Structure formats: C-alpha cells, structure tokens
C-alpha atoms as a PDB file:
ATOM      1  CA  UNK A   1      87.649 112.288 107.947  1.00  0.00           C
ATOM      2  CA  UNK A   2      86.687 108.596 108.126  1.00  0.00           C
ATOM      3  CA  UNK A   3      87.824 106.229 105.401  1.00  0.00           C
ATOM      4  CA  UNK A   4      84.852 105.757 103.063  1.00  0.00           C
ATOM      5  CA  UNK A   5      84.119 102.336 101.571  1.00  0.00           C
ATOM      6  CA  UNK A   6      81.849 100.791  98.932  1.00  0.00           C
ATOM      7  CA  UNK A   7      81.309  97.009  98.944  1.00  0.00           C
ATOM      8  CA  UNK A   8      80.718  95.094  95.707  1.00  0.00           C
ATOM      9  CA  UNK A   9      79.824  91.400  95.960  1.00  0.00           C
ATOM     10  CA  UNK A  10      77.060  89.319  94.359  1.00  0.00           C
ATOM     11  CA  UNK A  11      76.232  87.597  97.663  1.00  0.00           C
ATOM     12  CA  UNK A  12      73.934  89.685  99.849  1.00  0.00           C
ATOM     13  CA  UNK A  13      75.036  88.020 103.093  1.00  0.00           C
ATOM     14  CA  UNK A  14      78.695  88.653 102.316  1.00  0.00           C
ATOM     15  CA  UNK A  15      77.979  92.324 101.642  1.00  0.00           C
ATOM     16  CA  UNK A  16      75.957  92.629 104.849  1.00  0.00           C
ATOM     17  CA  UNK A  17      78.660  90.938 106.893  1.00  0.00           C
ATOM     18  CA  UNK A  18      81.456  93.112 105.540  1.00  0.00           C
ATOM     19  CA  UNK A  19      79.320  96.254 105.906  1.00  0.00           C
ATOM     20  CA  UNK A  20      78.496  95.512 109.547  1.00  0.00           C
ATOM     21  CA  UNK A  21      82.098  94.697 110.357  1.00  0.00           C
ATOM     22  CA  UNK A  22      83.531  97.822 108.734  1.00  0.00           C
ATOM     23  CA  UNK A  23      80.789 100.165 109.974  1.00  0.00           C
ATOM     24  CA  UNK A  24      81.579  99.046 113.526  1.00  0.00           C
ATOM     25  CA  UNK A  25      85.274  99.851 113.047  1.00  0.00           C
ATOM     26  CA  UNK A  26      86.544 103.231 114.190  1.00  0.00           C
ATOM     27  CA  UNK A  27      87.345 105.635 111.388  1.00  0.00           C
ATOM     28  CA  UNK A  28      85.588 103.691 108.613  1.00  0.00           C
ATOM     29  CA  UNK A  29      82.316 104.632 106.920  1.00  0.00           C
ATOM     30  CA  UNK A  30      80.396 102.372 104.503  1.00  0.00           C
ATOM     31  CA  UNK A  31      78.792 104.523 101.804  1.00  0.00           C
ATOM     32  CA  UNK A  32      77.006 101.834  99.833  1.00  0.00           C
ATOM     33  CA  UNK A  33      76.800  98.303  98.441  1.00  0.00           C
ATOM     34  CA  UNK A  34      76.424  96.807  94.968  1.00  0.00           C
ATOM     35  CA  UNK A  35      75.668  93.316  93.658  1.00  0.00           C
ATOM     36  CA  UNK A  36      77.678  93.394  90.422  1.00  0.00           C
ATOM     37  CA  UNK A  37      80.547  95.155  88.700  1.00  0.00           C
ATOM     38  CA  UNK A  38      78.513  97.626  86.653  1.00  0.00           C
ATOM     39  CA  UNK A  39      76.425  98.710  89.627  1.00  0.00           C
ATOM     40  CA  UNK A  40      79.617  98.937  91.669  1.00  0.00           C
ATOM     41  CA  UNK A  41      81.314 101.124  89.069  1.00  0.00           C
ATOM     42  CA  UNK A  42      78.304 103.440  88.988  1.00  0.00           C
ATOM     43  CA  UNK A  43      78.428 103.737  92.790  1.00  0.00           C
ATOM     44  CA  UNK A  44      82.157 104.475  92.794  1.00  0.00           C
ATOM     45  CA  UNK A  45      81.724 107.157  90.138  1.00  0.00           C
ATOM     46  CA  UNK A  46      78.904 108.773  92.101  1.00  0.00           C
ATOM     47  CA  UNK A  47      80.171 108.428  95.685  1.00  0.00           C
ATOM     48  CA  UNK A  48      83.968 108.569  95.112  1.00  0.00           C
ATOM     49  CA  UNK A  49      84.862 106.344  98.121  1.00  0.00           C
ATOM     50  CA  UNK A  50      88.420 106.022  99.384  1.00  0.00           C
ATOM     51  CA  UNK A  51      88.282 102.231  98.962  1.00  0.00           C
ATOM     52  CA  UNK A  52      86.102  99.772  97.067  1.00  0.00           C
ATOM     53  CA  UNK A  53      85.966  96.113  98.107  1.00  0.00           C
ATOM     54  CA  UNK A  54      85.554  94.082  94.918  1.00  0.00           C
ATOM     55  CA  UNK A  55      84.748  90.404  94.599  1.00  0.00           C
ATOM     56  CA  UNK A  56      86.852  88.930  91.801  1.00  0.00           C
ATOM     57  CA  UNK A  57      84.172  86.534  90.544  1.00  0.00           C
ATOM     58  CA  UNK A  58      80.684  87.924  89.932  1.00  0.00           C
ATOM     59  CA  UNK A  59      78.029  87.243  87.285  1.00  0.00           C
ATOM     60  CA  UNK A  60      78.089  89.760  84.452  1.00  0.00           C
ATOM     61  CA  UNK A  61      80.774  92.382  85.011  1.00  0.00           C
ATOM     62  CA  UNK A  62      83.314  90.873  87.382  1.00  0.00           C
ATOM     63  CA  UNK A  63      85.758  92.534  89.759  1.00  0.00           C
ATOM     64  CA  UNK A  64      88.654  92.561  87.297  1.00  0.00           C
ATOM     65  CA  UNK A  65      86.568  94.448  84.718  1.00  0.00           C
ATOM     66  CA  UNK A  66      85.425  96.922  87.372  1.00  0.00           C
ATOM     67  CA  UNK A  67      88.975  97.502  88.615  1.00  0.00           C
ATOM     68  CA  UNK A  68      90.158  98.226  85.074  1.00  0.00           C
ATOM     69  CA  UNK A  69      87.327 100.723  84.538  1.00  0.00           C
ATOM     70  CA  UNK A  70      88.157 102.529  87.777  1.00  0.00           C
ATOM     71  CA  UNK A  71      91.837 102.738  86.819  1.00  0.00           C
ATOM     72  CA  UNK A  72      91.133 103.878  83.259  1.00  0.00           C
ATOM     73  CA  UNK A  73      88.742 106.571  84.507  1.00  0.00           C
ATOM     74  CA  UNK A  74      91.532 107.968  86.677  1.00  0.00           C
ATOM     75  CA  UNK A  75      89.427 107.724  89.840  1.00  0.00           C
ATOM     76  CA  UNK A  76      91.288 108.075  93.131  1.00  0.00           C
ATOM     77  CA  UNK A  77      89.403 105.161  94.722  1.00  0.00           C
ATOM     78  CA  UNK A  78      91.701 102.340  95.843  1.00  0.00           C
ATOM     79  CA  UNK A  79      90.671  98.814  94.927  1.00  0.00           C
ATOM     80  CA  UNK A  80      90.880  95.926  97.401  1.00  0.00           C
ATOM     81  CA  UNK A  81      90.105  92.603  95.732  1.00  0.00           C
ATOM     82  CA  UNK A  82      88.315  89.902  97.708  1.00  0.00           C
ATOM     83  CA  UNK A  83      88.179  86.268  96.647  1.00  0.00           C
ATOM     84  CA  UNK A  84      87.850  82.728  97.914  1.00  0.00           C
ATOM     85  CA  UNK A  85      90.437  81.623  95.374  1.00  0.00           C
ATOM     86  CA  UNK A  86      94.128  81.667  96.253  1.00  0.00           C
ATOM     87  CA  UNK A  87      95.221  81.304  92.631  1.00  0.00           C
ATOM     88  CA  UNK A  88      98.337  82.681  90.915  1.00  0.00           C
ATOM     89  CA  UNK A  89      96.623  84.149  87.891  1.00  0.00           C
ATOM     90  CA  UNK A  90      93.990  85.931  89.987  1.00  0.00           C
ATOM     91  CA  UNK A  91      96.697  87.704  91.948  1.00  0.00           C
ATOM     92  CA  UNK A  92      98.466  88.944  88.856  1.00  0.00           C
ATOM     93  CA  UNK A  93      95.261  89.799  87.005  1.00  0.00           C
ATOM     94  CA  UNK A  94      93.927  91.768  89.980  1.00  0.00           C
ATOM     95  CA  UNK A  95      97.109  93.816  90.367  1.00  0.00           C
ATOM     96  CA  UNK A  96      97.450  94.338  86.616  1.00  0.00           C
ATOM     97  CA  UNK A  97      93.819  95.523  86.517  1.00  0.00           C
ATOM     98  CA  UNK A  98      94.660  98.291  88.978  1.00  0.00           C
ATOM     99  CA  UNK A  99      94.018  96.737  92.381  1.00  0.00           C
ATOM    100  CA  UNK A 100      96.050  97.972  95.340  1.00  0.00           C
ATOM    101  CA  UNK A 101      95.377  94.917  97.446  1.00  0.00           C
ATOM    102  CA  UNK A 102      94.294  91.306  97.344  1.00  0.00           C
ATOM    103  CA  UNK A 103      92.720  89.523 100.302  1.00  0.00           C
ATOM    104  CA  UNK A 104      91.072  86.149 100.786  1.00  0.00           C
ATOM    105  CA  UNK A 105      87.470  86.273 102.002  1.00  0.00           C
ATOM    106  CA  UNK A 106      88.201  83.920 104.876  1.00  0.00           C
ATOM    107  CA  UNK A 107      90.785  86.289 106.342  1.00  0.00           C
ATOM    108  CA  UNK A 108      90.204  87.217 110.013  1.00  0.00           C
ATOM    109  CA  UNK A 109      87.985  90.237 110.632  1.00  0.00           C
ATOM    110  CA  UNK A 110      90.820  92.370 111.990  1.00  0.00           C
ATOM    111  CA  UNK A 111      92.870  91.599 108.884  1.00  0.00           C
ATOM    112  CA  UNK A 112      90.099  92.920 106.618  1.00  0.00           C
ATOM    113  CA  UNK A 113      89.853  96.137 108.638  1.00  0.00           C
ATOM    114  CA  UNK A 114      93.628  96.543 108.530  1.00  0.00           C
ATOM    115  CA  UNK A 115      93.620  95.885 104.768  1.00  0.00           C
ATOM    116  CA  UNK A 116      91.119  98.689 104.175  1.00  0.00           C
ATOM    117  CA  UNK A 117      93.217 101.110 106.217  1.00  0.00           C
ATOM    118  CA  UNK A 118      96.489 100.089 104.548  1.00  0.00           C
ATOM    119  CA  UNK A 119      95.084 100.401 101.032  1.00  0.00           C
ATOM    120  CA  UNK A 120      93.369 103.717 101.849  1.00  0.00           C
ATOM    121  CA  UNK A 121      96.735 105.057 103.014  1.00  0.00           C
ATOM    122  CA  UNK A 122      98.198 104.367  99.569  1.00  0.00           C
ATOM    123  CA  UNK A 123     100.150 101.249 100.472  1.00  0.00           C
ATOM    124  CA  UNK A 124      99.897  97.922  98.648  1.00  0.00           C
ATOM    125  CA  UNK A 125      98.720  94.756 100.324  1.00  0.00           C
ATOM    126  CA  UNK A 126      98.797  91.094  99.396  1.00  0.00           C
ATOM    127  CA  UNK A 127      97.218  88.370 101.480  1.00  0.00           C
ATOM    128  CA  UNK A 128      99.815  86.620 103.634  1.00  0.00           C
ATOM    129  CA  UNK A 129      99.271  83.416 101.653  1.00  0.00           C
ATOM    130  CA  UNK A 130      99.614  85.274  98.352  1.00  0.00           C
ATOM    131  CA  UNK A 131     103.278  86.208  98.065  1.00  0.00           C
ATOM    132  CA  UNK A 132     105.362  87.970  95.471  1.00  0.00           C
ATOM    133  CA  UNK A 133     106.614  84.527  94.493  1.00  0.00           C
ATOM    134  CA  UNK A 134     103.283  83.940  92.786  1.00  0.00           C
ATOM    135  CA  UNK A 135     103.606  87.177  90.825  1.00  0.00           C
ATOM    136  CA  UNK A 136     107.110  86.175  89.801  1.00  0.00           C
ATOM    137  CA  UNK A 137     105.866  82.799  88.577  1.00  0.00           C
ATOM    138  CA  UNK A 138     103.096  84.321  86.485  1.00  0.00           C
ATOM    139  CA  UNK A 139     105.325  87.016  85.001  1.00  0.00           C
ATOM    140  CA  UNK A 140     108.037  84.459  84.211  1.00  0.00           C
ATOM    141  CA  UNK A 141     105.692  82.878  81.681  1.00  0.00           C
ATOM    142  CA  UNK A 142     105.514  86.125  79.740  1.00  0.00           C
ATOM    143  CA  UNK A 143     108.205  87.458  77.366  1.00  0.00           C
ATOM    144  CA  UNK A 144     110.416  90.160  78.854  1.00  0.00           C
ATOM    145  CA  UNK A 145     110.613  93.469  76.946  1.00  0.00           C
ATOM    146  CA  UNK A 146     113.799  94.117  74.961  1.00  0.00           C
ATOM    147  CA  UNK A 147     114.300  97.434  76.743  1.00  0.00           C
ATOM    148  CA  UNK A 148     113.015  98.472  80.126  1.00  0.00           C
ATOM    149  CA  UNK A 149     110.791 101.471  80.794  1.00  0.00           C
ATOM    150  CA  UNK A 150     112.755 101.718  84.033  1.00  0.00           C
ATOM    151  CA  UNK A 151     115.558 103.367  82.070  1.00  0.00           C
ATOM    152  CA  UNK A 152     113.950 106.731  82.887  1.00  0.00           C
ATOM    153  CA  UNK A 153     114.765 106.189  86.563  1.00  0.00           C
ATOM    154  CA  UNK A 154     117.926 107.270  88.328  1.00  0.00           C
ATOM    155  CA  UNK A 155     120.106 104.507  89.817  1.00  0.00           C
ATOM    156  CA  UNK A 156     118.777 105.346  93.291  1.00  0.00           C
ATOM    157  CA  UNK A 157     115.172 105.269  92.115  1.00  0.00           C
ATOM    158  CA  UNK A 158     115.754 101.870  90.503  1.00  0.00           C
ATOM    159  CA  UNK A 159     117.229 100.650  93.769  1.00  0.00           C
ATOM    160  CA  UNK A 160     114.208 101.892  95.715  1.00  0.00           C
ATOM    161  CA  UNK A 161     111.829 100.287  93.208  1.00  0.00           C
ATOM    162  CA  UNK A 162     113.612  96.968  93.583  1.00  0.00           C
ATOM    163  CA  UNK A 163     113.185  97.060  97.363  1.00  0.00           C
ATOM    164  CA  UNK A 164     109.547  98.193  97.052  1.00  0.00           C
ATOM    165  CA  UNK A 165     108.989  95.047  94.964  1.00  0.00           C
ATOM    166  CA  UNK A 166     110.102  93.015  97.976  1.00  0.00           C
ATOM    167  CA  UNK A 167     107.033  94.332  99.786  1.00  0.00           C
ATOM    168  CA  UNK A 168     108.981  96.367 102.322  1.00  0.00           C
ATOM    169  CA  UNK A 169     107.556  99.419 104.090  1.00  0.00           C
ATOM    170  CA  UNK A 170     109.074 102.887 103.881  1.00  0.00           C
ATOM    171  CA  UNK A 171     110.629 102.393 107.307  1.00  0.00           C
ATOM    172  CA  UNK A 172     112.223  99.101 106.253  1.00  0.00           C
ATOM    173  CA  UNK A 173     113.517 100.604 103.010  1.00  0.00           C
ATOM    174  CA  UNK A 174     114.954 103.583 104.880  1.00  0.00           C
ATOM    175  CA  UNK A 175     116.807 101.269 107.265  1.00  0.00           C
ATOM    176  CA  UNK A 176     118.165  99.121 104.426  1.00  0.00           C
ATOM    177  CA  UNK A 177     119.357 102.070 102.321  1.00  0.00           C
ATOM    178  CA  UNK A 178     120.492 104.225 105.271  1.00  0.00           C
ATOM    179  CA  UNK A 179     118.280 107.180 104.366  1.00  0.00           C
ATOM    180  CA  UNK A 180     115.332 108.894 106.027  1.00  0.00           C
ATOM    181  CA  UNK A 181     111.734 107.785 105.558  1.00  0.00           C
ATOM    182  CA  UNK A 182     110.969 111.144 103.945  1.00  0.00           C
ATOM    183  CA  UNK A 183     113.711 110.511 101.390  1.00  0.00           C
ATOM    184  CA  UNK A 184     112.181 107.113 100.629  1.00  0.00           C
ATOM    185  CA  UNK A 185     108.740 108.712 100.188  1.00  0.00           C
ATOM    186  CA  UNK A 186     110.251 111.231  97.794  1.00  0.00           C
ATOM    187  CA  UNK A 187     111.917 108.493  95.739  1.00  0.00           C
ATOM    188  CA  UNK A 188     108.772 106.342  95.659  1.00  0.00           C
ATOM    189  CA  UNK A 189     106.682 109.304  94.515  1.00  0.00           C
ATOM    190  CA  UNK A 190     109.212 110.029  91.765  1.00  0.00           C
ATOM    191  CA  UNK A 191     109.183 106.396  90.627  1.00  0.00           C
ATOM    192  CA  UNK A 192     105.384 106.262  90.453  1.00  0.00           C
ATOM    193  CA  UNK A 193     105.228 109.582  88.629  1.00  0.00           C
ATOM    194  CA  UNK A 194     107.917 108.773  86.054  1.00  0.00           C
ATOM    195  CA  UNK A 195     106.479 105.333  85.296  1.00  0.00           C
ATOM    196  CA  UNK A 196     102.836 106.419  85.332  1.00  0.00           C
ATOM    197  CA  UNK A 197     101.913 103.936  88.075  1.00  0.00           C
ATOM    198  CA  UNK A 198      98.959 104.306  90.432  1.00  0.00           C
ATOM    199  CA  UNK A 199     100.584 102.934  93.558  1.00  0.00           C
ATOM    200  CA  UNK A 200     103.095 100.538  95.070  1.00  0.00           C
ATOM    201  CA  UNK A 201     101.105  97.476  94.048  1.00  0.00           C
ATOM    202  CA  UNK A 202     101.537  98.496  90.422  1.00  0.00           C
ATOM    203  CA  UNK A 203     105.235  99.064  91.119  1.00  0.00           C
ATOM    204  CA  UNK A 204     105.568  95.434  92.237  1.00  0.00           C
ATOM    205  CA  UNK A 205     104.091  94.183  88.962  1.00  0.00           C
ATOM    206  CA  UNK A 206     106.235  96.608  86.949  1.00  0.00           C
ATOM    207  CA  UNK A 207     109.432  95.479  88.657  1.00  0.00           C
ATOM    208  CA  UNK A 208     108.775  91.846  87.823  1.00  0.00           C
ATOM    209  CA  UNK A 209     107.617  92.521  84.279  1.00  0.00           C
ATOM    210  CA  UNK A 210     110.718  94.555  83.523  1.00  0.00           C
ATOM    211  CA  UNK A 211     113.260  92.146  84.951  1.00  0.00           C
ATOM    212  CA  UNK A 212     114.140  94.146  88.074  1.00  0.00           C
ATOM    213  CA  UNK A 213     113.274  91.133  90.244  1.00  0.00           C
END
C-alpha cells in the first residue's frame, strides 16, 4: 500500500508544488489538500491519511492547533510540520503539539520525500538545522517536575529512552547497547506504551522535560 498524504498550507502554489513532487514519488499517494487548519483537520478525519503535511503558520486555525486536535482525537495520522522559520519555540511547540517531524520548507525535494517516508514508518524526524540542542534550550527555561513519570520504566527502558532522545536509530541503539534491533524495538514500544507517548518524537520531548537529558 502506498503512503497516503494530505497537504495543508494556506499558499496554493506551495500545496501544488508539494503535491506534484510527492505524487511523482514512488510509493506515495496524495489524497487531498487544504488551505487552513480546520479544513485540514476535516480532511484528516475523513480520509485518515498516513501523513499530514502541516504549515505551522496559517490564518485562522494554524498547524499547531491542527496537530493538537489530531493527537487528542487519537488519529493514527502522523504529523510532519513545515515552516520557513527555524525558531526554537516552533520546534518545541510542534513536537509538544503531537508532531512526529519538523522540516523547513526550503529543504531539498529528496529530503521532503524522505521525511514523509520516515515519519510514516513511525520514526521521528527533525530538520538537520533543527537539533535536539534547541529542544534542550527551550525545556531548560521550564521548571522540572519534582518527580519523574519515567519512574514507571525499568532501568533498561530508561537507558533506551535516553539514547532515543539522542536521535539515534534502532540499529545505532542496538550497536551501542549490544543488543538486537528487535530487542530495541521491544523496549521502545514498552517505553511509549508505559508513558502514553505517540512516537519517538514525543519521547525526545519527554526525556528533556523529565531531566533524562
């Protein structure tokens, strides 16, 4: 089955460009487009795409609002945020709103296609210029909780979560911890389940917020 995508951006030419690019990519199908957050949310609810490309800044309901609604509704659609702004607070806000990825609009075409595939596969993705350092800086301005929700995790699960927060792949984690990739997948699934997190992007935010990084 091809990866299905909905594109939400207030600029018609941007939507058309992304749609043409993705439709021409093997294994990707564009189901629809929307010009604002509310229309985009309605499309996602109706079409249930694998991935929705969301512009952060739009008139009316913006991308952050739409991402939160998708997360709160428990929809399986992965959110990939698109923006022209490489700004700390946008990164954190997008991830905290439920986004699985964050990509600048001026990224190369092949990087956008890769981002859609990575996010659809359940991985997290930050633009190369948007590092975890920015998340750490934003979170450092916020008070740390007295006790960590991570206490429900086993020592091994905490260790895996800490490495996930470094942005490493399952293969890299397996090599670092001297375990199999399947074991890593099992631990990551347990971490997400115990902490009530949607995906690895949320795990990155959680790790920083709870003092694990």
